[in-house]
N, C-alpha and C. Protein backbone atom coordinates (compact mmCIF):
# COMPACT_ATOMS: atom_id res chain seq x y z
N MET A 1 88.52 27.49 65.54
CA MET A 1 88.41 26.50 64.50
C MET A 1 87.00 26.43 63.94
N ASP A 2 86.02 26.77 64.76
CA ASP A 2 84.65 26.78 64.26
C ASP A 2 84.50 27.77 63.12
N GLU A 3 85.21 28.89 63.21
CA GLU A 3 85.12 29.90 62.17
C GLU A 3 85.64 29.34 60.85
N VAL A 4 86.73 28.58 60.91
CA VAL A 4 87.30 27.98 59.70
C VAL A 4 86.31 26.98 59.11
N CYS A 5 85.69 26.17 59.96
CA CYS A 5 84.68 25.20 59.50
C CYS A 5 83.53 25.92 58.81
N ARG A 6 83.00 26.95 59.46
CA ARG A 6 81.88 27.68 58.87
C ARG A 6 82.29 28.34 57.56
N PHE A 7 83.52 28.85 57.50
CA PHE A 7 84.00 29.49 56.28
C PHE A 7 84.01 28.51 55.11
N PHE A 8 84.61 27.34 55.31
CA PHE A 8 84.70 26.38 54.22
C PHE A 8 83.35 25.76 53.88
N LEU A 9 82.51 25.54 54.87
CA LEU A 9 81.17 25.04 54.57
C LEU A 9 80.37 26.08 53.79
N GLY A 10 80.60 27.35 54.11
CA GLY A 10 79.92 28.42 53.38
C GLY A 10 80.41 28.54 51.94
N LEU A 11 81.67 28.22 51.69
CA LEU A 11 82.22 28.28 50.33
C LEU A 11 81.79 27.10 49.48
N ASN A 12 81.48 26.00 50.11
CA ASN A 12 81.17 24.77 49.39
C ASN A 12 80.02 24.99 48.41
N GLY A 13 80.29 24.82 47.13
CA GLY A 13 79.26 24.92 46.10
C GLY A 13 78.91 26.34 45.68
N LYS A 14 79.60 27.35 46.20
CA LYS A 14 79.30 28.74 45.84
C LYS A 14 80.05 29.13 44.57
N ARG A 15 79.47 30.03 43.83
CA ARG A 15 80.10 30.55 42.62
C ARG A 15 80.19 32.07 42.72
N VAL A 16 81.20 32.63 42.09
CA VAL A 16 81.37 34.08 42.06
C VAL A 16 80.39 34.67 41.06
N GLN A 17 79.65 35.67 41.50
CA GLN A 17 78.71 36.36 40.63
C GLN A 17 79.29 37.72 40.30
N GLN A 18 79.75 37.87 39.08
CA GLN A 18 80.46 39.08 38.70
C GLN A 18 79.56 40.31 38.61
N ALA A 19 78.27 40.13 38.43
CA ALA A 19 77.37 41.27 38.28
C ALA A 19 77.01 41.90 39.62
N MET A 20 77.33 41.22 40.73
CA MET A 20 76.97 41.74 42.05
C MET A 20 78.16 42.41 42.71
N GLU A 21 77.89 43.44 43.50
CA GLU A 21 78.93 44.13 44.25
C GLU A 21 79.28 43.31 45.50
N ASP A 22 80.56 43.28 45.85
CA ASP A 22 81.00 42.56 47.04
C ASP A 22 80.46 43.24 48.30
N ARG A 23 80.23 42.44 49.33
CA ARG A 23 79.84 42.98 50.62
C ARG A 23 80.32 42.05 51.71
N VAL A 24 80.50 42.61 52.88
CA VAL A 24 80.98 41.85 54.03
C VAL A 24 79.89 41.88 55.09
N ILE A 25 79.58 40.70 55.63
CA ILE A 25 78.59 40.60 56.69
C ILE A 25 79.25 39.90 57.87
N TRP A 26 79.22 40.53 59.03
CA TRP A 26 79.78 39.95 60.26
C TRP A 26 78.67 39.14 60.91
N ARG A 27 78.81 37.83 60.92
CA ARG A 27 77.75 36.95 61.38
C ARG A 27 77.66 36.82 62.90
N GLU A 28 78.57 37.46 63.61
CA GLU A 28 78.54 37.40 65.07
C GLU A 28 77.60 38.43 65.68
N THR A 29 77.06 39.34 64.85
CA THR A 29 76.09 40.31 65.34
C THR A 29 74.81 40.20 64.51
N LYS A 30 73.70 40.59 65.10
CA LYS A 30 72.42 40.52 64.39
C LYS A 30 72.35 41.48 63.21
N CYS A 31 72.99 42.65 63.36
CA CYS A 31 72.93 43.65 62.30
C CYS A 31 73.93 43.40 61.18
N GLY A 32 74.88 42.49 61.39
CA GLY A 32 75.86 42.18 60.35
C GLY A 32 77.06 43.09 60.34
N LYS A 33 77.15 44.01 61.31
CA LYS A 33 78.28 44.93 61.37
C LYS A 33 79.33 44.41 62.36
N PHE A 34 80.59 44.72 62.06
CA PHE A 34 81.69 44.28 62.91
C PHE A 34 81.87 45.22 64.09
N PHE A 35 82.03 44.64 65.28
CA PHE A 35 82.40 45.37 66.49
C PHE A 35 83.48 44.57 67.19
N VAL A 36 84.46 45.25 67.75
CA VAL A 36 85.54 44.56 68.45
C VAL A 36 84.98 43.72 69.58
N LYS A 37 83.97 44.22 70.26
CA LYS A 37 83.35 43.48 71.36
C LYS A 37 82.81 42.13 70.88
N SER A 38 82.18 42.10 69.71
CA SER A 38 81.63 40.84 69.19
C SER A 38 82.76 39.88 68.79
N LEU A 39 83.86 40.42 68.29
CA LEU A 39 85.01 39.57 67.97
C LEU A 39 85.56 38.94 69.24
N TYR A 40 85.73 39.75 70.28
CA TYR A 40 86.25 39.24 71.55
C TYR A 40 85.33 38.15 72.10
N LYS A 41 84.02 38.39 72.08
CA LYS A 41 83.08 37.39 72.57
C LYS A 41 83.17 36.10 71.78
N SER A 42 83.33 36.21 70.47
CA SER A 42 83.40 35.00 69.64
C SER A 42 84.69 34.22 69.89
N LEU A 43 85.76 34.92 70.28
CA LEU A 43 87.03 34.24 70.52
C LEU A 43 87.09 33.57 71.89
N VAL A 44 86.44 34.15 72.89
CA VAL A 44 86.56 33.61 74.24
C VAL A 44 85.40 32.69 74.63
N SER A 45 84.33 32.68 73.88
CA SER A 45 83.18 31.86 74.27
C SER A 45 83.25 30.47 73.64
N GLY A 46 82.63 29.54 74.31
CA GLY A 46 82.50 28.19 73.77
C GLY A 46 83.66 27.28 74.11
N PRO A 47 83.39 25.99 74.09
CA PRO A 47 84.44 25.00 74.38
C PRO A 47 85.40 24.87 73.20
N PRO A 48 86.63 24.43 73.45
CA PRO A 48 87.56 24.23 72.34
C PRO A 48 87.04 23.13 71.41
N ALA A 49 87.23 23.35 70.13
CA ALA A 49 86.73 22.40 69.12
C ALA A 49 87.85 21.48 68.66
N SER A 50 87.46 20.33 68.15
CA SER A 50 88.46 19.44 67.57
C SER A 50 88.88 19.99 66.22
N PHE A 51 90.00 19.52 65.72
CA PHE A 51 90.52 20.05 64.46
C PHE A 51 89.61 19.67 63.30
N PRO A 52 89.24 20.64 62.44
CA PRO A 52 88.26 20.42 61.37
C PRO A 52 88.86 19.90 60.07
N SER A 53 89.67 18.87 60.11
CA SER A 53 90.36 18.43 58.89
C SER A 53 89.39 18.00 57.80
N SER A 54 88.31 17.32 58.14
CA SER A 54 87.39 16.89 57.09
C SER A 54 86.69 18.09 56.45
N THR A 55 86.44 19.13 57.24
CA THR A 55 85.80 20.33 56.69
C THR A 55 86.74 21.05 55.74
N ILE A 56 88.02 21.06 56.06
CA ILE A 56 88.99 21.77 55.23
C ILE A 56 89.30 21.01 53.95
N TRP A 57 89.51 19.71 54.05
CA TRP A 57 90.01 18.95 52.90
C TRP A 57 88.93 18.31 52.05
N LYS A 58 87.69 18.19 52.52
CA LYS A 58 86.67 17.48 51.75
C LYS A 58 85.60 18.39 51.16
N VAL A 59 85.88 19.67 51.02
CA VAL A 59 84.94 20.57 50.36
C VAL A 59 85.46 20.86 48.95
N TYR A 60 84.58 21.27 48.09
CA TYR A 60 84.95 21.52 46.70
C TYR A 60 85.35 22.98 46.51
N VAL A 61 86.57 23.29 46.94
CA VAL A 61 87.16 24.61 46.74
C VAL A 61 88.55 24.40 46.15
N GLN A 62 89.16 25.47 45.70
CA GLN A 62 90.51 25.36 45.15
C GLN A 62 91.46 24.86 46.23
N PRO A 63 92.41 23.99 45.86
CA PRO A 63 93.35 23.46 46.85
C PRO A 63 94.11 24.54 47.62
N LYS A 64 94.41 25.67 46.96
CA LYS A 64 95.15 26.71 47.67
C LYS A 64 94.30 27.31 48.80
N LEU A 65 92.96 27.31 48.65
CA LEU A 65 92.10 27.79 49.74
C LEU A 65 92.10 26.81 50.90
N SER A 66 92.06 25.52 50.58
CA SER A 66 92.12 24.51 51.64
C SER A 66 93.45 24.59 52.38
N PHE A 67 94.53 24.76 51.63
CA PHE A 67 95.85 24.86 52.27
C PHE A 67 95.94 26.09 53.16
N PHE A 68 95.39 27.22 52.68
CA PHE A 68 95.39 28.42 53.51
C PHE A 68 94.58 28.20 54.78
N GLY A 69 93.42 27.55 54.66
CA GLY A 69 92.61 27.25 55.84
C GLY A 69 93.34 26.37 56.83
N TRP A 70 94.08 25.40 56.30
CA TRP A 70 94.89 24.51 57.14
C TRP A 70 95.94 25.31 57.91
N GLU A 71 96.66 26.18 57.20
CA GLU A 71 97.68 27.00 57.85
C GLU A 71 97.05 27.97 58.85
N ALA A 72 95.94 28.58 58.48
CA ALA A 72 95.29 29.55 59.37
C ALA A 72 94.80 28.88 60.64
N THR A 73 94.30 27.67 60.53
CA THR A 73 93.82 26.94 61.71
C THR A 73 94.95 26.69 62.70
N TRP A 74 96.13 26.42 62.19
CA TRP A 74 97.29 26.19 63.05
C TRP A 74 97.99 27.49 63.44
N GLY A 75 97.50 28.63 62.94
CA GLY A 75 98.13 29.91 63.24
C GLY A 75 99.44 30.11 62.50
N LYS A 76 99.61 29.44 61.37
CA LYS A 76 100.86 29.51 60.63
C LYS A 76 100.73 30.22 59.29
N ALA A 77 99.59 30.84 59.02
CA ALA A 77 99.42 31.56 57.76
C ALA A 77 100.37 32.75 57.74
N LEU A 78 101.07 32.91 56.63
CA LEU A 78 102.04 33.99 56.53
C LEU A 78 101.32 35.31 56.27
N THR A 79 101.36 36.17 57.27
CA THR A 79 100.80 37.50 57.13
C THR A 79 101.92 38.46 56.76
N LEU A 80 101.57 39.66 56.40
CA LEU A 80 102.57 40.63 55.97
C LEU A 80 103.63 40.86 57.04
N ASP A 81 103.22 40.98 58.30
CA ASP A 81 104.22 41.22 59.35
C ASP A 81 105.13 40.02 59.55
N GLN A 82 104.61 38.80 59.38
CA GLN A 82 105.46 37.61 59.50
C GLN A 82 106.45 37.53 58.33
N LEU A 83 105.99 37.89 57.14
CA LEU A 83 106.89 37.89 55.98
C LEU A 83 108.00 38.93 56.14
N GLN A 84 107.66 40.09 56.70
CA GLN A 84 108.66 41.13 56.91
C GLN A 84 109.70 40.70 57.95
N LYS A 85 109.27 39.96 58.97
CA LYS A 85 110.22 39.46 59.97
C LYS A 85 111.20 38.48 59.37
N ARG A 86 110.73 37.69 58.40
CA ARG A 86 111.60 36.71 57.74
C ARG A 86 112.63 37.38 56.84
N GLY A 87 112.28 38.56 56.34
CA GLY A 87 113.22 39.30 55.50
C GLY A 87 113.07 39.10 54.05
């Protein structure tokens, strides 16, 4: 849930800059690169957090992003494999 909080707090007040190329930075490592080991560490470390409802619903982002964050926090976001199972 901390990841969802950080995600929405990071989006708050941001604007898309069309002149810049997109890039991905993994904040769990110093170099910014993704490693499975760093993902595992981020998932198993730390105490369980309380539900971040104020972080999800009180930021200035599109409502569909808040709704997706809400679903993702509960593990209910429809992914491609879940949609295929539904038919």
